């Protein structure tokens, strides 16, 4: 499917494509995904969220870095339990890029896999930026 904003996408639990995204001074490859069924196309809210995400990526990167580091610091005991010492100088190196998900309600989530738990770590972008385990995404679809 070719969307006028997202471009060429394939269906895999939502319409998807991969994209290189610069975040926190690193270049990551993320899956870009919409929370849609195969019979739906990305909504206008999802398209606007994608355009806003791309336009404001530097600001999102700057604002989220402190929140992500605070979240990781707050969970350091659990992280150390899995990895032991020494940890990387940049705790963000523990996050494995997964996807950027655009919800029907216009919110966006940047989702990372992690090795210390079965949960993902998510940055939820809406009126504010929230960082937590993936359960914060429940009810957003």
N, C-alpha and C. Protein backbone atom coordinates (compact mmCIF):
# COMPACT_ATOMS: atom_id res chain seq x y z
N UNK A 1 0.85 -1.16 0.00
CA UNK A 1 0.00 0.00 0.00
C UNK A 1 0.90 1.23 0.00
N UNK A 2 0.51 2.21 -0.77
CA UNK A 2 1.28 3.45 -0.78
C UNK A 2 0.40 4.56 -0.20
N UNK A 3 0.82 5.07 0.96
CA UNK A 3 0.11 6.15 1.63
C UNK A 3 0.72 7.48 1.20
N UNK A 4 -0.12 8.51 1.07
CA UNK A 4 0.36 9.80 0.59
C UNK A 4 1.33 10.48 1.56
N UNK A 5 1.31 10.10 2.84
CA UNK A 5 2.21 10.69 3.83
C UNK A 5 3.29 9.70 4.26
N UNK A 6 2.91 8.49 4.61
CA UNK A 6 3.87 7.49 5.09
C UNK A 6 4.70 6.89 3.95
N UNK A 7 4.16 6.88 2.75
CA UNK A 7 4.85 6.25 1.64
C UNK A 7 4.50 4.78 1.54
N UNK A 8 5.40 4.00 0.98
CA UNK A 8 5.18 2.57 0.74
C UNK A 8 5.21 1.82 2.07
N UNK A 9 4.15 1.03 2.31
CA UNK A 9 4.04 0.26 3.55
C UNK A 9 3.51 -1.13 3.25
N UNK A 10 3.89 -2.08 4.11
CA UNK A 10 3.38 -3.44 4.03
C UNK A 10 2.58 -3.71 5.30
N UNK A 11 1.61 -4.65 5.20
CA UNK A 11 0.81 -4.95 6.39
C UNK A 11 1.46 -6.06 7.19
N UNK A 12 1.67 -5.79 8.50
CA UNK A 12 2.17 -6.78 9.45
C UNK A 12 1.76 -6.29 10.83
N UNK A 13 0.58 -6.67 11.28
CA UNK A 13 0.00 -6.18 12.53
C UNK A 13 -0.02 -4.65 12.50
N UNK A 14 -0.61 -4.09 11.47
CA UNK A 14 -0.61 -2.66 11.21
C UNK A 14 0.22 -2.40 9.96
N UNK A 15 0.01 -1.26 9.34
CA UNK A 15 0.81 -0.90 8.17
C UNK A 15 2.20 -0.47 8.63
N UNK A 16 3.24 -1.02 7.99
CA UNK A 16 4.62 -0.86 8.47
C UNK A 16 5.59 -0.53 7.35
N UNK A 17 6.68 0.07 7.76
CA UNK A 17 7.86 0.24 6.92
C UNK A 17 9.03 0.43 7.88
N UNK A 18 10.25 0.42 7.40
CA UNK A 18 11.40 0.70 8.25
C UNK A 18 11.98 2.05 7.86
N UNK A 19 12.59 2.68 8.85
CA UNK A 19 13.13 4.02 8.62
C UNK A 19 14.29 4.26 9.58
N UNK A 20 15.32 4.94 9.09
CA UNK A 20 16.44 5.35 9.94
C UNK A 20 16.05 6.63 10.66
N UNK A 21 16.22 6.65 11.97
CA UNK A 21 15.84 7.80 12.79
C UNK A 21 17.00 8.16 13.71
N UNK A 22 17.33 9.44 13.75
CA UNK A 22 18.39 9.92 14.63
C UNK A 22 17.76 10.32 15.97
N UNK A 23 18.24 9.69 17.04
CA UNK A 23 17.72 9.93 18.38
C UNK A 23 18.89 9.90 19.35
N UNK A 24 19.01 10.93 20.18
CA UNK A 24 20.05 11.02 21.20
C UNK A 24 21.46 10.93 20.60
N UNK A 25 21.62 11.43 19.40
CA UNK A 25 22.92 11.44 18.76
C UNK A 25 23.29 10.13 18.09
N UNK A 26 22.36 9.18 18.05
CA UNK A 26 22.60 7.89 17.41
C UNK A 26 21.62 7.69 16.27
N UNK A 27 22.03 6.97 15.25
CA UNK A 27 21.15 6.63 14.15
C UNK A 27 20.63 5.21 14.37
N UNK A 28 19.32 5.07 14.48
CA UNK A 28 18.68 3.78 14.73
C UNK A 28 17.78 3.43 13.55
N UNK A 29 17.56 2.13 13.35
CA UNK A 29 16.56 1.67 12.39
C UNK A 29 15.34 1.22 13.18
N UNK A 30 14.22 1.87 12.93
CA UNK A 30 12.96 1.55 13.59
C UNK A 30 11.95 1.07 12.56
N UNK A 31 11.04 0.22 13.02
CA UNK A 31 9.85 -0.08 12.24
C UNK A 31 8.90 1.09 12.48
N UNK A 32 8.34 1.64 11.44
CA UNK A 32 7.30 2.67 11.53
C UNK A 32 5.99 1.92 11.35
N UNK A 33 5.06 2.05 12.32
CA UNK A 33 3.83 1.25 12.26
C UNK A 33 2.62 2.08 12.66
N UNK A 34 1.51 1.82 12.00
CA UNK A 34 0.23 2.44 12.37
C UNK A 34 -0.64 1.39 13.06
N UNK A 35 -1.44 1.82 14.02
CA UNK A 35 -2.35 0.90 14.71
C UNK A 35 -3.65 0.81 13.90
N UNK A 36 -3.56 0.11 12.78
CA UNK A 36 -4.70 -0.05 11.89
C UNK A 36 -4.85 -1.52 11.52
N UNK A 37 -6.05 -1.85 11.06
CA UNK A 37 -6.29 -3.20 10.54
C UNK A 37 -5.94 -3.22 9.06
N UNK A 38 -5.93 -4.39 8.50
CA UNK A 38 -5.59 -4.52 7.08
C UNK A 38 -6.60 -3.80 6.19
N UNK A 39 -7.84 -3.68 6.66
CA UNK A 39 -8.88 -3.04 5.87
C UNK A 39 -8.88 -1.52 6.02
N UNK A 40 -8.06 -0.99 6.92
CA UNK A 40 -8.00 0.45 7.15
C UNK A 40 -6.73 1.03 6.54
N UNK A 41 -6.79 2.29 6.24
CA UNK A 41 -5.60 3.02 5.83
C UNK A 41 -5.24 3.96 6.98
N UNK A 42 -4.01 4.43 7.04
CA UNK A 42 -3.65 5.37 8.10
C UNK A 42 -4.61 6.57 8.10
N UNK A 43 -5.05 6.94 9.30
CA UNK A 43 -5.99 8.05 9.44
C UNK A 43 -5.27 9.39 9.32
N UNK A 44 -6.05 10.43 9.21
CA UNK A 44 -5.48 11.77 9.14
C UNK A 44 -4.71 12.10 10.42
N UNK A 45 -5.23 11.67 11.57
CA UNK A 45 -4.52 11.90 12.84
C UNK A 45 -3.17 11.20 12.84
N UNK A 46 -3.13 9.98 12.31
CA UNK A 46 -1.86 9.25 12.24
C UNK A 46 -0.90 9.92 11.28
N UNK A 47 -1.41 10.38 10.16
CA UNK A 47 -0.57 11.08 9.19
C UNK A 47 -0.01 12.37 9.79
N UNK A 48 -0.86 13.12 10.48
CA UNK A 48 -0.41 14.37 11.12
C UNK A 48 0.62 14.08 12.21
N UNK A 49 0.39 13.00 12.97
CA UNK A 49 1.33 12.62 14.03
C UNK A 49 2.69 12.26 13.43
N UNK A 50 2.68 11.57 12.30
CA UNK A 50 3.93 11.19 11.62
C UNK A 50 4.68 12.44 11.14
N UNK A 51 3.95 13.36 10.51
CA UNK A 51 4.58 14.60 10.03
C UNK A 51 5.13 15.41 11.20
N UNK A 52 4.37 15.49 12.28
CA UNK A 52 4.81 16.21 13.47
C UNK A 52 6.04 15.54 14.09
N UNK A 53 6.03 14.22 14.15
CA UNK A 53 7.16 13.47 14.68
C UNK A 53 8.43 13.78 13.89
N UNK A 54 8.32 13.72 12.57
CA UNK A 54 9.48 13.99 11.71
C UNK A 54 9.97 15.43 11.89
N UNK A 55 9.04 16.37 11.93
CA UNK A 55 9.39 17.78 12.03
C UNK A 55 10.02 18.11 13.38
N UNK A 56 9.55 17.48 14.45
CA UNK A 56 9.98 17.80 15.81
C UNK A 56 10.95 16.78 16.40
N UNK A 57 11.56 15.96 15.57
CA UNK A 57 12.41 14.87 16.07
C UNK A 57 13.57 15.37 16.93
N UNK A 58 14.21 16.47 16.56
CA UNK A 58 15.31 16.99 17.38
C UNK A 58 14.82 17.39 18.77
N UNK A 59 13.68 18.06 18.82
CA UNK A 59 13.10 18.47 20.10
C UNK A 59 12.66 17.25 20.92
N UNK A 60 12.06 16.27 20.27
CA UNK A 60 11.66 15.02 20.95
C UNK A 60 12.89 14.34 21.52
N UNK A 61 13.96 14.29 20.75
CA UNK A 61 15.20 13.66 21.19
C UNK A 61 15.75 14.36 22.43
N UNK A 62 15.81 15.68 22.38
CA UNK A 62 16.34 16.44 23.52
C UNK A 62 15.48 16.28 24.77
N UNK A 63 14.16 16.42 24.61
CA UNK A 63 13.26 16.35 25.76
C UNK A 63 13.16 14.95 26.35
N UNK A 64 13.26 13.93 25.52
CA UNK A 64 13.09 12.57 26.02
C UNK A 64 14.36 12.01 26.66
N UNK A 65 15.52 12.51 26.30
CA UNK A 65 16.77 11.93 26.80
C UNK A 65 16.83 11.96 28.33
N UNK A 66 16.53 13.08 28.94
CA UNK A 66 16.57 13.18 30.40
C UNK A 66 15.55 12.26 31.05
N UNK A 67 14.35 12.18 30.46
CA UNK A 67 13.30 11.31 31.01
C UNK A 67 13.68 9.84 30.89
N UNK A 68 14.28 9.48 29.77
CA UNK A 68 14.72 8.09 29.58
C UNK A 68 15.83 7.74 30.57
N UNK A 69 16.81 8.62 30.71
CA UNK A 69 17.89 8.37 31.67
C UNK A 69 17.37 8.29 33.10
N UNK A 70 16.38 9.13 33.44
CA UNK A 70 15.77 9.08 34.77
C UNK A 70 15.05 7.74 34.97
N UNK A 71 14.31 7.29 33.96
CA UNK A 71 13.63 5.99 34.03
C UNK A 71 14.64 4.87 34.23
N UNK A 72 15.71 4.88 33.45
CA UNK A 72 16.73 3.83 33.55
C UNK A 72 17.41 3.87 34.92
N UNK A 73 17.70 5.06 35.42
CA UNK A 73 18.31 5.19 36.75
C UNK A 73 17.38 4.66 37.84
N UNK A 74 16.08 4.92 37.69
CA UNK A 74 15.11 4.43 38.67
C UNK A 74 14.97 2.91 38.66
N UNK A 75 15.36 2.29 37.56
CA UNK A 75 15.27 0.84 37.43
C UNK A 75 16.65 0.17 37.42
N UNK A 76 17.64 0.88 37.94
CA UNK A 76 19.03 0.41 37.86
C UNK A 76 19.25 -0.91 38.58
N UNK A 77 18.57 -1.14 39.71
CA UNK A 77 18.75 -2.40 40.43
C UNK A 77 18.33 -3.59 39.58
N UNK A 78 17.20 -3.45 38.90
CA UNK A 78 16.72 -4.51 38.03
C UNK A 78 17.69 -4.72 36.85
N UNK A 79 18.19 -3.62 36.31
CA UNK A 79 19.12 -3.69 35.18
C UNK A 79 20.43 -4.35 35.62
N UNK A 80 20.95 -3.93 36.76
CA UNK A 80 22.19 -4.52 37.28
C UNK A 80 22.01 -6.00 37.57
N UNK A 81 20.80 -6.39 38.02
CA UNK A 81 20.52 -7.80 38.29
C UNK A 81 20.68 -8.65 37.04
N UNK A 82 20.39 -8.08 35.89
CA UNK A 82 20.51 -8.81 34.63
C UNK A 82 21.93 -8.73 34.08
N UNK A 83 22.53 -7.54 34.10
CA UNK A 83 23.81 -7.32 33.44
C UNK A 83 25.02 -7.33 34.36
N UNK A 84 24.82 -6.95 35.63
CA UNK A 84 25.96 -6.78 36.52
C UNK A 84 26.76 -5.54 36.13
N UNK A 85 27.86 -5.32 36.84
CA UNK A 85 28.73 -4.18 36.54
C UNK A 85 29.80 -4.62 35.56
N UNK A 86 30.36 -3.80 34.74
CA UNK A 86 30.00 -2.40 34.53
C UNK A 86 28.90 -2.28 33.48
N UNK A 87 28.10 -1.26 33.61
CA UNK A 87 27.09 -0.93 32.61
C UNK A 87 27.71 0.06 31.61
N UNK A 88 27.11 0.18 30.44
CA UNK A 88 27.62 1.18 29.48
C UNK A 88 27.55 2.59 30.07
N UNK A 89 28.45 3.44 29.64
CA UNK A 89 28.45 4.83 30.10
C UNK A 89 27.12 5.49 29.78
N UNK A 90 26.62 5.27 28.58
CA UNK A 90 25.30 5.78 28.19
C UNK A 90 24.28 4.67 28.41
N UNK A 91 23.43 4.85 29.40
CA UNK A 91 22.43 3.82 29.69
C UNK A 91 21.49 3.60 28.51
N UNK A 92 21.32 4.60 27.67
CA UNK A 92 20.45 4.44 26.50
C UNK A 92 20.97 3.35 25.56
N UNK A 93 22.26 2.98 25.69
CA UNK A 93 22.80 1.90 24.86
C UNK A 93 22.18 0.55 25.22
N UNK A 94 21.47 0.48 26.35
CA UNK A 94 20.78 -0.75 26.76
C UNK A 94 19.44 -0.92 26.02
N UNK A 95 18.99 0.12 25.35
CA UNK A 95 17.70 0.08 24.66
C UNK A 95 17.90 -0.37 23.22
N UNK A 96 17.09 -1.34 22.79
CA UNK A 96 17.17 -1.89 21.45
C UNK A 96 15.99 -1.36 20.64
N UNK A 97 16.23 -0.56 19.61
CA UNK A 97 15.13 0.04 18.84
C UNK A 97 14.17 -1.02 18.31
N UNK A 98 12.88 -0.77 18.47
CA UNK A 98 11.87 -1.69 17.98
C UNK A 98 11.00 -0.97 16.94
N UNK A 99 10.15 -0.04 17.42
CA UNK A 99 9.23 0.60 16.48
C UNK A 99 8.77 1.97 16.98
N UNK A 100 8.29 2.75 16.02
CA UNK A 100 7.58 3.99 16.32
C UNK A 100 6.15 3.72 15.88
N UNK A 101 5.24 3.77 16.86
CA UNK A 101 3.85 3.39 16.62
C UNK A 101 2.97 4.63 16.65
N UNK A 102 2.16 4.78 15.60
CA UNK A 102 1.26 5.92 15.49
C UNK A 102 -0.17 5.43 15.74
N UNK A 103 -0.74 5.89 16.86
CA UNK A 103 -2.07 5.46 17.28
C UNK A 103 -3.16 6.24 16.56
N UNK A 104 -4.35 5.65 16.53
CA UNK A 104 -5.51 6.29 15.90
C UNK A 104 -5.87 7.60 16.59
N UNK A 105 -5.56 7.73 17.89
CA UNK A 105 -5.90 8.95 18.63
C UNK A 105 -4.91 10.08 18.40
N UNK A 106 -3.89 9.84 17.58
CA UNK A 106 -2.91 10.88 17.26
C UNK A 106 -1.66 10.85 18.12
N UNK A 107 -1.63 9.99 19.14
CA UNK A 107 -0.43 9.88 19.95
C UNK A 107 0.59 8.99 19.25
N UNK A 108 1.83 9.10 19.70
CA UNK A 108 2.94 8.35 19.12
C UNK A 108 3.72 7.69 20.25
N UNK A 109 4.19 6.47 20.01
CA UNK A 109 5.04 5.78 20.98
C UNK A 109 6.32 5.33 20.28
N UNK A 110 7.44 5.60 20.94
CA UNK A 110 8.73 5.09 20.49
C UNK A 110 9.01 3.90 21.41
N UNK A 111 9.13 2.71 20.85
CA UNK A 111 9.19 1.49 21.64
C UNK A 111 10.55 0.81 21.46
N UNK A 112 11.11 0.40 22.60
CA UNK A 112 12.41 -0.29 22.62
C UNK A 112 12.26 -1.64 23.28
N UNK A 113 13.00 -2.62 22.80
CA UNK A 113 13.14 -3.89 23.50
C UNK A 113 14.26 -3.72 24.52
N UNK A 114 14.20 -4.50 25.59
CA UNK A 114 15.25 -4.49 26.60
C UNK A 114 15.54 -5.92 27.03
N UNK A 115 16.74 -6.16 27.53
CA UNK A 115 17.14 -7.51 27.90
C UNK A 115 16.83 -7.86 29.35
N UNK A 116 16.52 -6.86 30.20
CA UNK A 116 16.36 -7.16 31.62
C UNK A 116 14.93 -7.54 32.01
N UNK A 117 13.97 -7.44 31.07
CA UNK A 117 12.59 -7.82 31.36
C UNK A 117 11.89 -8.18 30.06
N UNK A 118 10.74 -8.84 30.17
CA UNK A 118 9.95 -9.16 28.98
C UNK A 118 9.17 -7.95 28.48
N UNK A 119 9.05 -6.92 29.32
CA UNK A 119 8.35 -5.70 28.93
C UNK A 119 9.22 -4.88 27.97
N UNK A 120 8.57 -4.07 27.16
CA UNK A 120 9.27 -3.07 26.37
C UNK A 120 9.39 -1.81 27.20
N UNK A 121 10.23 -0.90 26.77
CA UNK A 121 10.27 0.44 27.33
C UNK A 121 9.70 1.36 26.25
N UNK A 122 8.78 2.22 26.65
CA UNK A 122 8.10 3.07 25.69
C UNK A 122 8.20 4.54 26.07
N UNK A 123 8.35 5.36 25.06
CA UNK A 123 8.25 6.81 25.21
C UNK A 123 6.93 7.18 24.55
N UNK A 124 5.97 7.66 25.35
CA UNK A 124 4.67 8.02 24.83
C UNK A 124 4.62 9.53 24.60
N UNK A 125 4.38 9.91 23.37
CA UNK A 125 4.32 11.31 22.98
C UNK A 125 2.87 11.72 22.79
N UNK A 126 2.46 12.71 23.54
CA UNK A 126 1.12 13.27 23.42
C UNK A 126 1.22 14.72 23.85
N UNK A 127 0.35 15.15 24.77
CA UNK A 127 0.45 16.51 25.31
C UNK A 127 1.75 16.67 26.09
N UNK A 128 2.25 15.57 26.64
CA UNK A 128 3.53 15.56 27.34
C UNK A 128 4.28 14.31 26.91
N UNK A 129 5.49 14.15 27.41
CA UNK A 129 6.30 12.97 27.11
C UNK A 129 6.36 12.12 28.37
N UNK A 130 6.00 10.83 28.25
CA UNK A 130 6.05 9.90 29.37
C UNK A 130 6.96 8.74 28.98
N UNK A 131 7.73 8.26 29.95
CA UNK A 131 8.60 7.11 29.72
C UNK A 131 8.29 6.07 30.78
N UNK A 132 8.03 4.84 30.35
CA UNK A 132 7.75 3.77 31.30
C UNK A 132 7.80 2.44 30.54
N UNK A 133 7.49 1.38 31.27
CA UNK A 133 7.36 0.09 30.61
C UNK A 133 6.15 0.13 29.69
N UNK A 134 6.07 -0.81 28.78
CA UNK A 134 5.06 -0.82 27.73
C UNK A 134 3.61 -0.78 28.18
N UNK A 135 3.34 -1.09 29.43
CA UNK A 135 1.96 -1.07 29.89
C UNK A 135 1.34 0.32 29.78
N UNK A 136 2.14 1.38 29.67
CA UNK A 136 1.57 2.72 29.54
C UNK A 136 0.84 2.90 28.21
N UNK A 137 1.04 1.96 27.29
CA UNK A 137 0.41 2.07 25.99
C UNK A 137 -0.99 1.46 25.96
N UNK A 138 -1.36 0.72 27.01
CA UNK A 138 -2.67 0.09 27.04
C UNK A 138 -3.75 1.16 26.93
N UNK A 139 -4.71 0.89 26.10
CA UNK A 139 -5.81 1.83 25.93
C UNK A 139 -5.57 2.93 24.92
N UNK A 140 -4.37 3.00 24.34
CA UNK A 140 -4.06 4.06 23.38
C UNK A 140 -4.50 3.72 21.97
N UNK A 141 -4.65 2.47 21.67
CA UNK A 141 -4.90 2.03 20.29
C UNK A 141 -6.16 2.63 19.77
